[in-house]
Protein backbone atom coordinates (compact mmCIF):
# COMPACT_ATOMS: atom_id res chain seq x y z
CA MET A 1 15.74 -38.29 -13.46
CA SER A 2 13.45 -41.27 -13.00
CA ALA A 3 9.67 -40.91 -13.17
CA ARG A 4 9.36 -42.08 -9.55
CA ARG A 5 11.81 -39.45 -8.26
CA LEU A 6 10.10 -36.76 -10.33
CA SER A 7 6.72 -37.69 -8.87
CA ILE A 8 8.18 -37.49 -5.34
CA ILE A 9 9.36 -33.94 -6.05
CA LYS A 10 6.14 -32.87 -7.73
CA GLN A 11 3.86 -34.27 -5.05
CA PRO A 12 4.70 -31.81 -2.21
CA VAL A 13 4.66 -28.90 -4.66
CA SER A 14 1.31 -29.83 -6.18
CA SER A 15 -0.21 -30.69 -2.80
CA THR A 16 0.90 -27.31 -1.38
CA LEU A 17 -0.58 -25.42 -4.33
CA ASN A 18 -3.76 -27.47 -4.11
CA GLN A 19 -4.05 -26.86 -0.37
CA HIS A 20 -3.55 -23.09 -0.58
CA LEU A 21 -5.16 -22.23 -3.93
CA ILE A 22 -7.63 -24.92 -4.99
CA ASP A 23 -9.16 -26.68 -1.98
CA TYR A 24 -8.62 -23.97 0.64
CA PRO A 25 -11.98 -23.62 2.51
CA THR A 26 -13.34 -20.13 1.82
CA PRO A 27 -16.44 -18.40 3.24
CA SER A 28 -19.19 -18.57 0.62
CA ASN A 29 -20.34 -14.96 1.11
CA LEU A 30 -17.16 -13.20 -0.05
CA SER A 31 -17.89 -10.28 -2.36
CA HIS A 32 -15.87 -8.72 -5.19
CA TRP A 33 -14.07 -6.60 -2.59
CA TRP A 34 -12.12 -9.72 -1.63
CA GLY A 35 -10.54 -9.87 -5.10
CA PHE A 36 -7.99 -7.14 -4.42
CA GLY A 37 -5.63 -9.62 -2.74
CA SER A 38 -5.15 -11.66 -5.91
CA LEU A 39 -5.06 -8.47 -7.95
CA ALA A 40 -2.25 -7.11 -5.76
CA ALA A 41 -0.33 -10.37 -6.30
CA ILE A 42 -0.72 -10.00 -10.07
CA ARG A 43 0.46 -6.38 -9.85
CA SER A 44 3.52 -7.49 -7.88
CA VAL A 45 4.47 -10.00 -10.57
CA ILE A 46 3.98 -7.42 -13.35
CA GLN A 47 6.10 -4.86 -11.51
CA THR A 48 8.90 -7.38 -11.06
CA ILE A 49 8.92 -8.46 -14.71
CA THR A 50 8.71 -4.95 -16.12
CA GLY A 51 11.47 -3.82 -13.76
CA VAL A 52 14.01 -6.57 -14.48
CA PHE A 53 14.36 -5.97 -18.24
CA PRO A 54 14.76 -2.15 -18.18
CA ALA A 55 17.32 -2.62 -15.39
CA MET A 56 19.58 -4.32 -17.96
CA HIS A 57 19.87 -1.00 -19.82
CA TYR A 58 19.82 1.45 -16.91
CA THR A 59 23.09 3.13 -15.83
CA PRO A 60 23.19 4.15 -12.14
CA HIS A 61 25.46 7.15 -12.61
CA VAL A 62 24.70 10.85 -12.17
CA ASP A 63 25.68 11.75 -15.74
CA PRO A 64 24.15 9.02 -17.95
CA ALA A 65 21.24 8.01 -15.65
CA PHE A 66 18.69 10.31 -17.28
CA HIS A 67 19.94 9.53 -20.80
CA SER A 68 19.90 5.78 -20.13
CA VAL A 69 16.18 6.06 -19.35
CA GLU A 70 15.71 7.97 -22.62
CA HIS A 71 17.71 5.22 -24.35
CA ILE A 72 15.29 2.63 -22.95
CA MET A 73 12.36 4.69 -24.22
CA ARG A 74 13.70 5.41 -27.70
CA ASP A 75 16.21 2.74 -28.73
CA VAL A 76 15.41 -0.49 -26.87
CA LYS A 77 12.81 -2.58 -28.68
CA GLY A 78 9.64 -2.45 -26.59
CA GLY A 79 11.47 -0.41 -23.97
CA TRP A 80 8.88 2.38 -23.98
CA LEU A 81 6.17 -0.13 -23.15
CA LEU A 82 8.15 -1.74 -20.33
CA ARG A 83 9.09 1.62 -18.85
CA TYR A 84 5.53 2.96 -19.00
CA MET A 85 4.15 -0.29 -17.57
CA HIS A 86 6.61 -0.12 -14.69
CA ALA A 87 6.17 3.59 -13.93
CA ASN A 88 2.37 3.63 -14.23
CA GLY A 89 2.12 0.17 -12.72
CA ALA A 90 3.40 1.60 -9.44
CA SER A 91 0.38 3.90 -9.34
CA MET A 92 -1.97 1.03 -10.15
CA PHE A 93 -0.28 -1.10 -7.49
CA PHE A 94 -0.90 1.57 -4.84
CA ILE A 95 -4.52 2.02 -5.95
CA VAL A 96 -5.12 -1.72 -5.52
CA VAL A 97 -3.32 -1.84 -2.15
CA TYR A 98 -5.16 1.25 -0.83
CA LEU A 99 -8.51 -0.29 -1.78
CA TYR A 100 -7.37 -3.53 -0.15
CA PHE A 101 -6.52 -1.67 3.07
CA PHE A 102 -9.71 0.35 3.23
CA ARG A 103 -11.75 -2.79 2.61
CA GLY A 104 -9.98 -4.37 5.60
CA LEU A 105 -10.74 -1.33 7.74
CA TYR A 106 -14.41 -1.27 6.75
CA TYR A 107 -15.08 -4.98 7.28
CA GLY A 108 -12.86 -5.36 10.34
CA SER A 109 -10.34 -7.73 8.78
CA TYR A 110 -7.76 -6.55 11.31
CA THR A 111 -9.63 -7.84 14.37
CA SER A 112 -8.80 -10.96 16.37
CA PRO A 113 -7.64 -13.56 15.46
CA ARG A 114 -6.09 -12.01 12.29
CA GLU A 115 -3.81 -9.44 13.91
CA PHE A 116 -0.66 -10.95 12.37
CA VAL A 117 -2.15 -10.86 8.87
CA TRP A 118 -2.99 -7.17 9.24
CA CYS A 119 0.39 -6.18 10.72
CA LEU A 120 2.17 -8.08 7.95
CA GLY A 121 0.14 -6.14 5.39
CA VAL A 122 1.18 -2.84 7.00
CA VAL A 123 4.85 -3.90 6.81
CA ILE A 124 4.41 -4.79 3.13
CA SER A 125 2.86 -1.40 2.40
CA LEU A 126 5.78 0.34 4.15
CA LEU A 127 8.26 -1.65 2.04
CA MET A 128 6.27 -0.69 -1.05
CA ILE A 129 6.47 3.02 -0.19
CA VAL A 130 10.24 2.84 0.31
CA THR A 131 10.70 0.86 -2.92
CA ALA A 132 8.52 3.26 -4.89
CA PHE A 133 10.36 6.31 -3.55
CA ILE A 134 13.73 4.82 -4.48
CA GLY A 135 12.46 3.99 -7.96
CA TYR A 136 11.11 7.53 -8.34
CA VAL A 137 14.63 8.88 -7.74
CA LEU A 138 16.39 6.66 -10.29
CA PRO A 139 15.46 8.50 -13.57
CA ARG A 140 17.41 11.52 -12.27
CA GLY A 141 14.90 14.08 -13.48
CA GLN A 142 14.71 17.54 -11.99
CA MET A 143 11.77 16.81 -9.71
CA SER A 144 13.03 13.37 -8.61
CA PHE A 145 16.46 14.87 -7.86
CA ARG A 146 14.93 17.61 -5.70
CA GLY A 147 12.56 15.12 -4.08
CA ALA A 148 15.47 12.85 -3.19
CA THR A 149 17.36 15.77 -1.68
CA VAL A 150 14.44 17.01 0.39
CA ILE A 151 13.07 13.64 1.57
CA THR A 152 16.41 12.10 2.50
CA SER A 153 17.52 15.27 4.28
CA LEU A 154 14.53 14.91 6.63
CA ALA A 155 16.50 12.20 8.43
CA SER A 156 18.94 14.90 9.57
CA ALA A 157 16.30 16.02 12.08
CA ILE A 158 16.79 12.78 14.05
CA PRO A 159 18.93 13.56 17.12
CA VAL A 160 22.49 12.20 17.30
CA VAL A 161 22.36 9.80 14.31
CA GLY A 162 20.46 11.97 11.80
CA ASP A 163 23.46 13.37 9.93
CA THR A 164 25.09 9.95 9.80
CA ILE A 165 21.97 8.42 8.23
CA VAL A 166 21.80 11.16 5.58
CA THR A 167 25.50 10.72 4.74
CA TRP A 168 24.98 6.97 4.41
CA LEU A 169 21.95 7.43 2.15
CA TRP A 170 23.75 9.92 -0.08
CA GLY A 171 27.06 8.08 -0.03
CA GLY A 172 28.74 11.42 0.64
CA PHE A 173 27.91 14.99 1.52
CA ALA A 174 25.41 15.56 -1.33
CA VAL A 175 23.16 13.66 -3.72
CA ASP A 176 25.96 12.61 -6.05
CA ASN A 177 27.23 9.61 -7.98
CA ALA A 178 27.06 7.18 -5.03
CA THR A 179 23.37 7.95 -4.46
CA PRO A 180 21.88 6.35 -7.62
CA ASN A 181 24.17 3.34 -7.15
CA ARG A 182 22.86 2.73 -3.64
CA PHE A 183 19.27 3.42 -4.55
CA PHE A 184 19.44 1.15 -7.60
CA SER A 185 20.77 -1.71 -5.47
CA LEU A 186 18.03 -1.22 -2.87
CA HIS A 187 15.34 -0.89 -5.54
CA TYR A 188 16.42 -4.25 -6.92
CA LEU A 189 16.61 -5.92 -3.50
CA LEU A 190 13.45 -4.72 -1.75
CA PRO A 191 10.97 -6.42 -4.17
CA PHE A 192 12.34 -9.79 -3.07
CA LEU A 193 11.59 -8.87 0.54
CA ILE A 194 8.10 -7.80 -0.52
CA ALA A 195 7.61 -11.11 -2.34
CA GLY A 196 8.66 -13.11 0.73
CA ALA A 197 6.39 -11.09 3.02
CA SER A 198 3.54 -11.47 0.52
CA ILE A 199 3.87 -15.26 0.59
CA LEU A 200 3.59 -15.16 4.39
CA HIS A 201 0.63 -12.78 4.05
CA LEU A 202 -1.06 -15.30 1.73
CA ALA A 203 -0.40 -18.29 3.98
CA ALA A 204 -1.21 -16.62 7.33
CA PRO A 205 -5.03 -16.50 6.92
CA HIS A 206 -5.09 -20.25 6.42
CA GLN A 207 -4.55 -20.76 10.15
CA TYR A 208 -7.63 -18.81 11.24
CA GLY A 209 -9.63 -18.57 8.02
CA SER A 210 -10.60 -15.59 5.89
CA ASN A 211 -12.76 -12.74 7.06
CA ASN A 212 -16.10 -12.10 5.34
CA PRO A 213 -18.58 -9.20 4.89
CA LEU A 214 -20.75 -10.28 7.85
CA GLY A 215 -17.82 -10.85 10.19
CA ILE A 216 -19.26 -14.18 11.35
CA HIS A 217 -17.26 -17.24 12.33
CA SER A 218 -14.94 -18.20 9.49
CA SER A 219 -15.73 -21.92 9.82
CA ALA A 220 -19.37 -21.51 8.84
CA ASP A 221 -20.56 -22.28 5.29
CA LYS A 222 -17.29 -22.73 3.41
CA ILE A 223 -16.64 -23.71 -0.19
CA ALA A 224 -13.54 -24.30 -2.30
CA PRO A 225 -12.26 -21.17 -4.10
CA TYR A 226 -11.98 -23.01 -7.41
CA PRO A 227 -13.91 -22.46 -9.61
CA TYR A 228 -16.30 -20.09 -7.79
CA PHE A 229 -14.02 -17.33 -6.58
CA TYR A 230 -11.57 -17.64 -9.45
CA VAL A 231 -14.40 -16.69 -11.79
CA LYS A 232 -15.44 -13.83 -9.48
CA ASP A 233 -11.85 -12.57 -9.28
CA LEU A 234 -11.58 -12.85 -13.05
CA VAL A 235 -14.07 -9.97 -13.33
CA GLY A 236 -11.69 -7.75 -11.36
CA TRP A 237 -8.70 -8.92 -13.39
CA VAL A 238 -10.39 -8.07 -16.68
CA ALA A 239 -11.58 -4.68 -15.38
CA PHE A 240 -8.06 -3.94 -14.19
CA ALA A 241 -6.52 -4.98 -17.54
CA LEU A 242 -8.92 -2.73 -19.47
CA SER A 243 -8.43 0.32 -17.23
CA PHE A 244 -4.66 -0.13 -17.11
CA SER A 245 -4.47 -0.51 -20.90
CA LEU A 246 -6.47 2.69 -21.46
CA TRP A 247 -4.26 4.52 -19.00
CA LEU A 248 -1.07 3.05 -20.46
CA PHE A 249 -1.74 3.77 -24.13
CA TYR A 250 -3.68 7.04 -23.93
CA ALA A 251 -2.35 8.90 -20.87
CA PRO A 252 0.99 7.37 -19.80
CA ASN A 253 2.39 10.71 -18.61
CA ALA A 254 -0.75 12.00 -16.89
CA LEU A 255 0.64 11.47 -13.39
CA GLY A 256 4.19 12.53 -14.16
CA HIS A 257 5.40 16.00 -13.21
CA PRO A 258 6.66 18.04 -16.22
CA ASP A 259 9.88 18.96 -14.40
CA ASN A 260 10.80 15.30 -14.13
CA TYR A 261 11.26 15.14 -17.91
CA ILE A 262 14.16 17.60 -17.58
CA PRO A 263 17.66 16.34 -16.64
CA ALA A 264 18.56 17.05 -13.03
CA ASN A 265 20.30 20.36 -12.48
CA PRO A 266 21.38 21.31 -8.93
CA MET A 267 21.41 25.04 -9.71
CA PRO A 268 17.70 25.95 -10.28
CA THR A 269 15.08 24.99 -7.71
CA PRO A 270 11.47 24.20 -8.72
CA ALA A 271 8.88 26.60 -7.37
CA HIS A 272 7.03 23.76 -5.65
CA ILE A 273 8.45 20.29 -4.95
CA VAL A 274 5.71 17.66 -5.34
CA PRO A 275 6.22 13.92 -4.73
CA GLU A 276 4.30 11.18 -6.49
CA TRP A 277 0.57 11.14 -5.71
CA TYR A 278 0.73 8.09 -3.43
CA PHE A 279 3.13 9.97 -1.11
CA LEU A 280 0.96 13.09 -0.91
CA PRO A 281 -1.06 12.27 2.28
CA ILE A 282 2.11 11.50 4.24
CA HIS A 283 3.80 14.55 2.73
CA ALA A 284 0.88 16.74 3.84
CA ILE A 285 1.00 15.38 7.41
CA SER A 286 4.77 15.88 7.72
CA ARG A 287 4.70 19.47 6.49
CA SER A 288 1.68 20.43 8.63
CA ILE A 289 4.09 20.79 11.56
CA PRO A 290 6.41 23.77 11.05
CA ASN A 291 9.22 22.15 13.07
CA LYS A 292 11.42 19.81 10.99
CA LEU A 293 11.84 17.22 13.74
CA GLY A 294 8.11 17.37 14.51
CA GLY A 295 7.28 16.80 10.85
CA VAL A 296 9.51 13.73 10.73
CA ALA A 297 8.10 12.46 14.04
CA ALA A 298 4.54 12.86 12.69
CA ILE A 299 5.17 10.22 10.01
CA GLY A 300 5.84 7.46 12.55
CA PRO A 301 2.40 7.52 14.24
CA VAL A 302 0.72 7.07 10.83
CA PHE A 303 2.14 3.56 10.48
CA ALA A 304 2.18 2.91 14.23
CA SER A 305 -1.58 3.54 14.42
CA LEU A 306 -2.17 1.12 11.54
CA LEU A 307 0.00 -1.54 13.18
CA ALA A 308 -1.79 -1.06 16.51
CA SER A 309 -5.33 -1.07 15.03
CA PRO A 310 -6.16 -4.70 15.96
CA PHE A 311 -5.11 -4.52 19.60
CA PRO A 312 -7.24 -1.74 21.17
CA ASN A 313 -10.37 -2.87 19.30
CA THR A 314 -13.22 -3.44 21.78
CA SER A 315 -16.13 -4.00 19.41
CA ALA A 316 -17.99 -7.29 19.77
CA VAL A 317 -18.92 -7.17 16.08
CA ARG A 318 -16.16 -7.50 13.51
CA SER A 319 -17.77 -6.03 10.42
CA SER A 320 -18.95 -2.41 10.27
CA SER A 321 -22.03 -3.49 8.29
CA SER A 322 -23.85 -3.50 11.66
CA GLN A 323 -22.03 -0.58 13.25
CA LEU A 324 -23.45 2.78 12.25
CA LEU A 325 -20.82 4.80 14.15
CA HIS A 326 -17.96 2.76 12.69
CA GLN A 327 -19.34 3.31 9.19
CA ARG A 328 -19.52 7.07 9.65
CA LEU A 329 -16.02 7.25 11.08
CA PHE A 330 -14.74 5.15 8.20
CA TRP A 331 -16.14 7.56 5.60
CA VAL A 332 -14.73 10.50 7.56
CA LEU A 333 -11.31 8.80 7.48
CA LEU A 334 -11.56 8.16 3.73
CA ALA A 335 -12.56 11.77 3.02
CA ASP A 336 -9.76 12.99 5.28
CA ARG A 337 -7.18 10.90 3.39
CA LEU A 338 -8.39 12.30 0.07
CA LEU A 339 -8.20 15.81 1.49
CA LEU A 340 -4.65 15.23 2.70
CA GLY A 341 -3.72 13.98 -0.77
CA TRP A 342 -5.05 17.19 -2.30
CA ILE A 343 -3.29 19.37 0.28
CA GLY A 344 -0.01 17.55 -0.36
CA CYS A 345 0.16 18.86 -3.93
CA GLN A 346 -0.67 22.46 -3.00
CA PRO A 347 1.94 25.16 -2.23
CA VAL A 348 2.97 25.75 1.38
CA GLU A 349 0.86 28.85 1.98
CA ALA A 350 -2.46 29.89 3.48
CA PRO A 351 -5.08 28.47 3.56
CA TYR A 352 -3.56 25.09 2.56
CA VAL A 353 -1.31 24.90 5.61
CA THR A 354 -4.24 25.42 7.99
CA ILE A 355 -6.42 22.91 6.16
CA GLY A 356 -3.58 20.36 6.25
CA GLN A 357 -3.14 20.83 9.98
CA MET A 358 -6.86 20.34 10.62
CA ALA A 359 -6.93 17.23 8.41
CA SER A 360 -3.90 15.82 10.25
CA ILE A 361 -5.68 16.34 13.58
CA VAL A 362 -8.77 14.52 12.25
CA PHE A 363 -6.57 11.59 11.20
CA SER A 364 -5.04 11.45 14.69
CA LEU A 365 -8.47 11.62 16.35
CA TYR A 366 -9.66 8.61 14.33
CA SER A 367 -6.84 6.51 15.80
CA ALA A 368 -7.74 7.77 19.29
CA ILE A 369 -11.49 7.11 18.93
CA THR A 370 -11.16 3.61 17.46
CA PRO A 371 -10.68 1.86 20.85
CA LEU A 372 -13.89 3.49 22.12
CA ILE A 373 -16.12 2.36 19.25
CA GLY A 374 -17.06 -0.86 21.03
CA GLN A 375 -18.44 0.94 24.09
CA LEU A 376 -20.11 3.66 22.03
CA GLU A 377 -21.78 1.14 19.73
CA ALA A 378 -22.97 -1.11 22.57
CA GLY A 379 -25.94 1.09 23.31
CA SER A 380 -26.91 1.63 19.70
CA ILE A 381 -27.17 -1.92 18.34
CA LEU A 382 -29.65 -3.36 20.80
CA ASP A 383 -32.88 -1.97 19.39
CA ALA A 384 -34.94 -5.10 18.72
CA ASP A 385 -37.18 -3.28 16.23
CA ASP A 386 -34.29 -2.42 13.92
CA PRO A 387 -33.29 -5.18 11.43
CA ARG A 388 -29.72 -3.92 11.55
CA SER A 389 -29.71 -4.32 15.33
CA ARG A 390 -31.22 -7.82 15.19
CA HIS A 391 -28.51 -8.85 12.74
CA ALA A 392 -25.84 -7.29 14.97
CA MET A 393 -27.12 -9.17 18.02
CA ARG A 394 -26.86 -12.44 16.11
CA GLU A 395 -23.26 -11.57 15.26
CA VAL A 396 -22.52 -10.79 18.90
CA LYS A 397 -23.84 -14.22 19.96
CA ILE A 398 -21.73 -15.97 17.32
CA TYR A 399 -18.70 -13.93 18.32
CA CYS A 400 -19.14 -14.79 22.00
CA ILE A 401 -19.46 -18.50 21.18
CA GLU A 402 -16.31 -18.27 19.08
CA ARG A 403 -14.40 -16.61 21.90
């Protein structure tokens, strides 16, 4: 290939990378909380790499599936490290994404004109949950086997098509040999969909600009991300590498259930079926309703409320740094999510059932109150003697000019 033709090919690639990563105008007041986007991208790459190589040795069959994982751990050179990095990396990935989401909720990153960016992030998180659940089933341990049976059977509560969906997921009338084959194929396919959606999620903010802690117009006071924000993000990357290394080498099985290190046996049933920790809040919400169909139906509004968050917003100020009510509701939501996570790993008995139902109601009320925050805050940010109020009024003026 001639040098001229090579330069023609390289030019659009290098110009695209330069436009989106080097010279992209970025608000100068971004804090370290804006580093979780790049950290999530790094986690996605690590998960893909550490998943491809163990997949070469995994056998998606009911009999040798568990032993093939043990073969990866014991016989494959470096297999233990890849397997632990992949299994624990899922937890780290969800920690990063949850922090990323809560940062967006606190600073109003979902508000106009970035609705598409937020909705795309919700879709990515939903794909991540499905991918993680499928990967949790693949080792064919006792807890993952029971979890697959219970979670997939929830679809049977759907009227008319429920039993058909369960039969399709299982590949038969029980969790048998066809199930790991189907789940393995989906677990290998879904990361490519996540990667494609992530590229769109990265490119979408470039149309309207990035949000910032003050919520002011994104065209004000911009600088190039390189080298300023690359150095700032580097702090988060190093902190992540250190914490992940300590976790990986000193407590790689801390989050794993002991029953999942036992080969799957359909005869005994564990006393308490517990999913992975990142499923616990959703698990607590679904089981807070005693009716099976109601429990399944309760999962949908969780993601529907997140998708709908940008549209009923009536606040004239994007960031909650100037909204006292929004701040308090945010911390109530965070505490409620932590409480639901704790309830999800408790047995289905009193008082945990009652606490889970109350926490689920609080979560639903947050989604109902969010559209009213703008009207409720309007009378509380206009005190001219309060510095917070003066700052909020400046934001309102900028926002009105922008609109």
